[in-house]
Amino acid sequence: TIMIIDFNDIEETRIKGFKGGQGELLTRNYADEKVRIMKSILRPGASSGPHTHEGNCEIMYILKGELTYHYDEKTEVARAGQVHYCPTTHHHYFENLTAEDVEYLAIVPEHH
């Protein structure tokens, strides 16, 4: 079992239109049968597509910059050092409305 995950050892993947969104996401992902852990960069003007977390949740810790979240029917901004949490059965999408890359760590337990 791996206990230390070094994202520098994981190949970066470039995704255009993550989950149906706009722009480019750069991501390095670790996954096993219980969790998916993603260290990602969302480019300026990029977004995810709207999605619902069925049977799992998502925790997103902002490392650098700020992300605008559209969570259920609310809009919130999370800045570096803050966490966005999307519980099971809730929906969200996020976008980078700034001129800088946003870096974040996302954890999705029970990601089946």
N, C-alpha and C. Protein backbone atom coordinates (compact mmCIF):
# COMPACT_ATOMS: atom_id res chain seq x y z
N THR A 1 0.84 -1.18 0.00
CA THR A 1 0.00 0.00 0.00
C THR A 1 0.88 1.24 0.00
N ILE A 2 0.55 2.19 -0.85
CA ILE A 2 1.28 3.45 -0.92
C ILE A 2 0.81 4.34 0.23
N MET A 3 1.76 4.92 0.95
CA MET A 3 1.40 5.82 2.03
C MET A 3 1.80 7.27 1.71
N ILE A 4 2.78 7.45 0.81
CA ILE A 4 3.19 8.77 0.37
C ILE A 4 2.87 8.89 -1.11
N ILE A 5 2.14 9.91 -1.48
CA ILE A 5 1.82 10.16 -2.88
C ILE A 5 2.61 11.39 -3.30
N ASP A 6 3.50 11.22 -4.29
CA ASP A 6 4.30 12.34 -4.80
C ASP A 6 3.77 12.68 -6.19
N PHE A 7 3.05 13.79 -6.28
CA PHE A 7 2.45 14.17 -7.55
C PHE A 7 3.50 14.48 -8.61
N ASN A 8 4.75 14.76 -8.21
CA ASN A 8 5.82 14.96 -9.18
C ASN A 8 6.15 13.68 -9.94
N ASP A 9 5.78 12.54 -9.37
CA ASP A 9 6.03 11.24 -10.01
C ASP A 9 4.84 10.77 -10.86
N ILE A 10 3.77 11.55 -10.89
CA ILE A 10 2.57 11.16 -11.64
C ILE A 10 2.49 12.04 -12.90
N GLU A 11 2.27 11.40 -14.03
CA GLU A 11 2.21 12.13 -15.29
C GLU A 11 1.03 13.10 -15.31
N GLU A 12 1.28 14.29 -15.82
CA GLU A 12 0.23 15.30 -15.94
C GLU A 12 -0.65 15.00 -17.14
N THR A 13 -1.95 15.13 -16.94
CA THR A 13 -2.94 14.94 -18.01
C THR A 13 -3.58 16.30 -18.30
N ARG A 14 -3.75 16.61 -19.58
CA ARG A 14 -4.44 17.85 -19.99
C ARG A 14 -5.83 17.48 -20.45
N ILE A 15 -6.83 18.11 -19.83
CA ILE A 15 -8.23 17.82 -20.17
C ILE A 15 -8.88 19.09 -20.69
N LYS A 16 -9.44 19.02 -21.88
CA LYS A 16 -10.22 20.13 -22.43
C LYS A 16 -11.67 19.91 -22.06
N GLY A 17 -12.31 20.91 -21.46
CA GLY A 17 -13.73 20.79 -21.15
C GLY A 17 -14.04 19.73 -20.11
N PHE A 18 -13.41 19.83 -18.93
CA PHE A 18 -13.62 18.86 -17.84
C PHE A 18 -15.09 18.74 -17.48
N LYS A 19 -15.62 17.52 -17.56
CA LYS A 19 -17.03 17.22 -17.27
C LYS A 19 -17.99 18.12 -18.07
N GLY A 20 -17.57 18.48 -19.28
CA GLY A 20 -18.43 19.29 -20.15
C GLY A 20 -18.24 20.79 -19.97
N GLY A 21 -17.24 21.19 -19.20
CA GLY A 21 -16.98 22.62 -18.98
C GLY A 21 -16.17 23.23 -20.11
N GLN A 22 -15.56 24.35 -19.83
CA GLN A 22 -14.80 25.12 -20.82
C GLN A 22 -13.33 25.13 -20.46
N GLY A 23 -12.48 25.35 -21.46
CA GLY A 23 -11.06 25.59 -21.22
C GLY A 23 -10.30 24.35 -20.81
N GLU A 24 -9.14 24.59 -20.18
CA GLU A 24 -8.19 23.51 -19.93
C GLU A 24 -7.92 23.29 -18.45
N LEU A 25 -7.88 22.00 -18.09
CA LEU A 25 -7.52 21.55 -16.74
C LEU A 25 -6.27 20.69 -16.88
N LEU A 26 -5.27 21.00 -16.06
CA LEU A 26 -4.07 20.16 -15.99
C LEU A 26 -4.15 19.40 -14.67
N THR A 27 -3.97 18.08 -14.70
CA THR A 27 -4.20 17.32 -13.48
C THR A 27 -3.25 16.14 -13.36
N ARG A 28 -2.90 15.84 -12.13
CA ARG A 28 -2.12 14.65 -11.77
C ARG A 28 -2.98 13.90 -10.76
N ASN A 29 -3.33 12.63 -11.08
CA ASN A 29 -4.31 11.91 -10.29
C ASN A 29 -3.76 10.62 -9.70
N TYR A 30 -4.15 10.36 -8.46
CA TYR A 30 -3.92 9.08 -7.82
C TYR A 30 -5.29 8.49 -7.51
N ALA A 31 -5.46 7.20 -7.80
CA ALA A 31 -6.73 6.55 -7.46
C ALA A 31 -6.48 5.11 -7.07
N ASP A 32 -7.23 4.65 -6.07
CA ASP A 32 -7.30 3.23 -5.76
C ASP A 32 -8.78 2.88 -5.62
N GLU A 33 -9.09 1.75 -5.00
CA GLU A 33 -10.50 1.34 -4.92
C GLU A 33 -11.33 2.18 -3.96
N LYS A 34 -10.69 3.01 -3.14
CA LYS A 34 -11.43 3.78 -2.13
C LYS A 34 -11.44 5.29 -2.35
N VAL A 35 -10.46 5.84 -3.07
CA VAL A 35 -10.34 7.30 -3.14
C VAL A 35 -9.70 7.74 -4.45
N ARG A 36 -10.06 8.92 -4.91
CA ARG A 36 -9.35 9.59 -6.00
C ARG A 36 -8.83 10.90 -5.43
N ILE A 37 -7.52 11.15 -5.63
CA ILE A 37 -6.89 12.38 -5.15
C ILE A 37 -6.27 13.07 -6.37
N MET A 38 -6.65 14.32 -6.59
CA MET A 38 -6.24 15.04 -7.79
C MET A 38 -5.57 16.36 -7.42
N LYS A 39 -4.37 16.58 -7.93
CA LYS A 39 -3.71 17.88 -7.80
C LYS A 39 -3.81 18.52 -9.17
N SER A 40 -4.52 19.63 -9.24
CA SER A 40 -4.90 20.18 -10.54
C SER A 40 -4.65 21.67 -10.64
N ILE A 41 -4.56 22.12 -11.89
CA ILE A 41 -4.47 23.53 -12.23
C ILE A 41 -5.60 23.82 -13.21
N LEU A 42 -6.43 24.81 -12.87
CA LEU A 42 -7.49 25.25 -13.77
C LEU A 42 -7.07 26.58 -14.35
N ARG A 43 -7.01 26.64 -15.66
CA ARG A 43 -6.54 27.82 -16.38
C ARG A 43 -7.54 28.98 -16.28
N PRO A 44 -7.07 30.21 -16.47
CA PRO A 44 -8.00 31.36 -16.48
C PRO A 44 -9.12 31.15 -17.51
N GLY A 45 -10.34 31.46 -17.09
CA GLY A 45 -11.50 31.33 -17.97
C GLY A 45 -12.05 29.93 -18.08
N ALA A 46 -11.38 28.95 -17.49
CA ALA A 46 -11.82 27.55 -17.60
C ALA A 46 -12.83 27.22 -16.50
N SER A 47 -13.61 26.16 -16.75
CA SER A 47 -14.62 25.72 -15.78
C SER A 47 -14.82 24.22 -15.90
N SER A 48 -15.41 23.64 -14.86
CA SER A 48 -15.91 22.27 -14.97
C SER A 48 -17.34 22.35 -15.47
N GLY A 49 -17.87 21.24 -15.90
CA GLY A 49 -19.29 21.18 -16.19
C GLY A 49 -20.04 20.87 -14.91
N PRO A 50 -21.34 21.21 -14.85
CA PRO A 50 -22.14 20.89 -13.67
C PRO A 50 -22.22 19.38 -13.48
N HIS A 51 -22.12 18.93 -12.25
CA HIS A 51 -22.24 17.51 -11.97
C HIS A 51 -22.71 17.30 -10.53
N THR A 52 -23.39 16.15 -10.31
CA THR A 52 -23.91 15.78 -8.99
C THR A 52 -23.04 14.68 -8.43
N HIS A 53 -22.75 14.74 -7.15
CA HIS A 53 -21.99 13.69 -6.48
C HIS A 53 -22.94 12.65 -5.92
N GLU A 54 -23.11 11.58 -6.69
CA GLU A 54 -23.97 10.46 -6.29
C GLU A 54 -23.10 9.39 -5.67
N GLY A 55 -23.32 9.07 -4.41
CA GLY A 55 -22.58 8.00 -3.76
C GLY A 55 -21.18 8.39 -3.33
N ASN A 56 -20.82 9.67 -3.48
CA ASN A 56 -19.54 10.15 -2.99
C ASN A 56 -19.65 11.63 -2.70
N CYS A 57 -18.59 12.20 -2.17
CA CYS A 57 -18.53 13.63 -1.92
C CYS A 57 -17.23 14.14 -2.51
N GLU A 58 -17.00 15.45 -2.45
CA GLU A 58 -15.75 16.01 -2.93
C GLU A 58 -15.28 17.11 -2.00
N ILE A 59 -13.99 17.07 -1.70
CA ILE A 59 -13.34 18.09 -0.87
C ILE A 59 -12.28 18.73 -1.75
N MET A 60 -12.33 20.06 -1.90
CA MET A 60 -11.38 20.77 -2.76
C MET A 60 -10.67 21.85 -1.94
N TYR A 61 -9.36 21.67 -1.76
CA TYR A 61 -8.54 22.61 -1.01
C TYR A 61 -7.78 23.49 -2.00
N ILE A 62 -7.98 24.80 -1.91
CA ILE A 62 -7.35 25.74 -2.84
C ILE A 62 -5.93 26.01 -2.37
N LEU A 63 -4.98 25.70 -3.22
CA LEU A 63 -3.56 25.91 -2.92
C LEU A 63 -3.10 27.30 -3.35
N LYS A 64 -3.61 27.76 -4.50
CA LYS A 64 -3.18 29.05 -5.05
C LYS A 64 -4.32 29.64 -5.89
N GLY A 65 -4.61 30.92 -5.69
CA GLY A 65 -5.65 31.58 -6.48
C GLY A 65 -7.02 31.47 -5.83
N GLU A 66 -8.06 31.58 -6.66
CA GLU A 66 -9.44 31.47 -6.16
C GLU A 66 -10.33 30.85 -7.22
N LEU A 67 -11.28 30.05 -6.75
CA LEU A 67 -12.27 29.42 -7.62
C LEU A 67 -13.66 29.90 -7.23
N THR A 68 -14.49 30.14 -8.23
CA THR A 68 -15.89 30.47 -8.01
C THR A 68 -16.69 29.18 -8.15
N TYR A 69 -17.46 28.86 -7.11
CA TYR A 69 -18.26 27.64 -7.09
C TYR A 69 -19.73 27.99 -7.23
N HIS A 70 -20.42 27.18 -8.01
CA HIS A 70 -21.88 27.25 -8.14
C HIS A 70 -22.36 25.94 -7.52
N TYR A 71 -22.81 26.05 -6.26
CA TYR A 71 -23.13 24.90 -5.42
C TYR A 71 -24.62 24.92 -5.13
N ASP A 72 -25.32 23.85 -5.57
CA ASP A 72 -26.78 23.84 -5.52
C ASP A 72 -27.26 25.15 -6.15
N GLU A 73 -27.92 26.02 -5.43
CA GLU A 73 -28.40 27.27 -6.05
C GLU A 73 -27.61 28.49 -5.57
N LYS A 74 -26.44 28.26 -4.97
CA LYS A 74 -25.64 29.36 -4.42
C LYS A 74 -24.36 29.54 -5.21
N THR A 75 -23.77 30.75 -5.11
CA THR A 75 -22.46 31.01 -5.68
C THR A 75 -21.54 31.46 -4.56
N GLU A 76 -20.35 30.85 -4.49
CA GLU A 76 -19.38 31.15 -3.44
C GLU A 76 -17.99 31.20 -4.06
N VAL A 77 -17.10 31.97 -3.44
CA VAL A 77 -15.70 32.02 -3.88
C VAL A 77 -14.83 31.42 -2.79
N ALA A 78 -13.95 30.49 -3.18
CA ALA A 78 -12.98 29.91 -2.26
C ALA A 78 -11.59 30.37 -2.68
N ARG A 79 -10.83 30.86 -1.71
CA ARG A 79 -9.49 31.39 -1.95
C ARG A 79 -8.44 30.46 -1.35
N ALA A 80 -7.18 30.70 -1.71
CA ALA A 80 -6.06 29.89 -1.20
C ALA A 80 -6.17 29.73 0.31
N GLY A 81 -6.04 28.49 0.77
CA GLY A 81 -6.16 28.18 2.19
C GLY A 81 -7.55 27.79 2.62
N GLN A 82 -8.54 27.90 1.73
CA GLN A 82 -9.92 27.53 2.04
C GLN A 82 -10.30 26.23 1.33
N VAL A 83 -11.37 25.61 1.84
CA VAL A 83 -11.86 24.35 1.31
C VAL A 83 -13.30 24.51 0.85
N HIS A 84 -13.60 23.96 -0.34
CA HIS A 84 -14.98 23.82 -0.80
C HIS A 84 -15.35 22.35 -0.58
N TYR A 85 -16.53 22.12 -0.01
CA TYR A 85 -17.02 20.77 0.25
C TYR A 85 -18.35 20.58 -0.45
N CYS A 86 -18.45 19.52 -1.25
CA CYS A 86 -19.70 19.18 -1.92
C CYS A 86 -20.13 17.80 -1.42
N PRO A 87 -21.15 17.74 -0.52
CA PRO A 87 -21.58 16.45 0.03
C PRO A 87 -22.30 15.58 -1.00
N THR A 88 -22.46 14.32 -0.64
CA THR A 88 -23.21 13.36 -1.46
C THR A 88 -24.60 13.91 -1.78
N THR A 89 -25.05 13.70 -2.99
CA THR A 89 -26.35 14.09 -3.57
C THR A 89 -26.44 15.57 -3.92
N HIS A 90 -25.40 16.35 -3.67
CA HIS A 90 -25.42 17.77 -4.05
C HIS A 90 -24.70 17.94 -5.39
N HIS A 91 -24.96 19.08 -6.04
CA HIS A 91 -24.32 19.33 -7.33
C HIS A 91 -23.56 20.64 -7.29
N HIS A 92 -22.55 20.70 -8.17
CA HIS A 92 -21.75 21.91 -8.26
C HIS A 92 -21.03 21.96 -9.60
N TYR A 93 -20.52 23.13 -9.89
CA TYR A 93 -19.48 23.30 -10.90
C TYR A 93 -18.64 24.47 -10.44
N PHE A 94 -17.46 24.59 -11.01
CA PHE A 94 -16.54 25.63 -10.57
C PHE A 94 -15.86 26.25 -11.78
N GLU A 95 -15.45 27.51 -11.60
CA GLU A 95 -14.81 28.21 -12.70
C GLU A 95 -13.74 29.16 -12.18
N ASN A 96 -12.75 29.37 -13.03
CA ASN A 96 -11.68 30.30 -12.73
C ASN A 96 -11.99 31.60 -13.45
N LEU A 97 -12.49 32.57 -12.70
CA LEU A 97 -12.87 33.87 -13.27
C LEU A 97 -11.74 34.90 -13.17
N THR A 98 -10.53 34.43 -12.82
CA THR A 98 -9.39 35.34 -12.65
C THR A 98 -8.45 35.23 -13.84
N ALA A 99 -7.41 36.04 -13.83
CA ALA A 99 -6.40 36.04 -14.89
C ALA A 99 -5.21 35.14 -14.55
N GLU A 100 -5.28 34.42 -13.42
CA GLU A 100 -4.18 33.56 -12.97
C GLU A 100 -4.64 32.10 -12.90
N ASP A 101 -3.68 31.18 -13.05
CA ASP A 101 -3.98 29.77 -12.83
C ASP A 101 -4.46 29.56 -11.39
N VAL A 102 -5.36 28.63 -11.20
CA VAL A 102 -5.78 28.23 -9.85
C VAL A 102 -5.26 26.80 -9.63
N GLU A 103 -4.59 26.60 -8.51
CA GLU A 103 -4.11 25.26 -8.14
C GLU A 103 -4.94 24.76 -6.97
N TYR A 104 -5.34 23.49 -7.03
CA TYR A 104 -6.13 22.92 -5.94
C TYR A 104 -5.88 21.43 -5.81
N LEU A 105 -6.19 20.92 -4.64
CA LEU A 105 -6.15 19.51 -4.35
C LEU A 105 -7.58 19.05 -4.13
N ALA A 106 -8.03 18.06 -4.90
CA ALA A 106 -9.39 17.55 -4.76
C ALA A 106 -9.34 16.10 -4.30
N ILE A 107 -10.19 15.76 -3.34
CA ILE A 107 -10.26 14.40 -2.81
C ILE A 107 -11.71 13.93 -2.94
N VAL A 108 -11.89 12.78 -3.61
CA VAL A 108 -13.22 12.19 -3.78
C VAL A 108 -13.17 10.77 -3.20
N PRO A 109 -13.60 10.62 -1.92
CA PRO A 109 -13.66 9.27 -1.34
C PRO A 109 -14.79 8.47 -1.99
N GLU A 110 -14.62 7.15 -2.02
CA GLU A 110 -15.68 6.27 -2.55
C GLU A 110 -16.12 6.75 -3.94
N HIS A 111 -15.17 6.84 -4.86
CA HIS A 111 -15.39 7.48 -6.17
C HIS A 111 -15.97 6.55 -7.23
N HIS A 112 -16.60 5.47 -6.87
CA HIS A 112 -17.05 4.45 -7.84
C HIS A 112 -18.03 5.02 -8.87
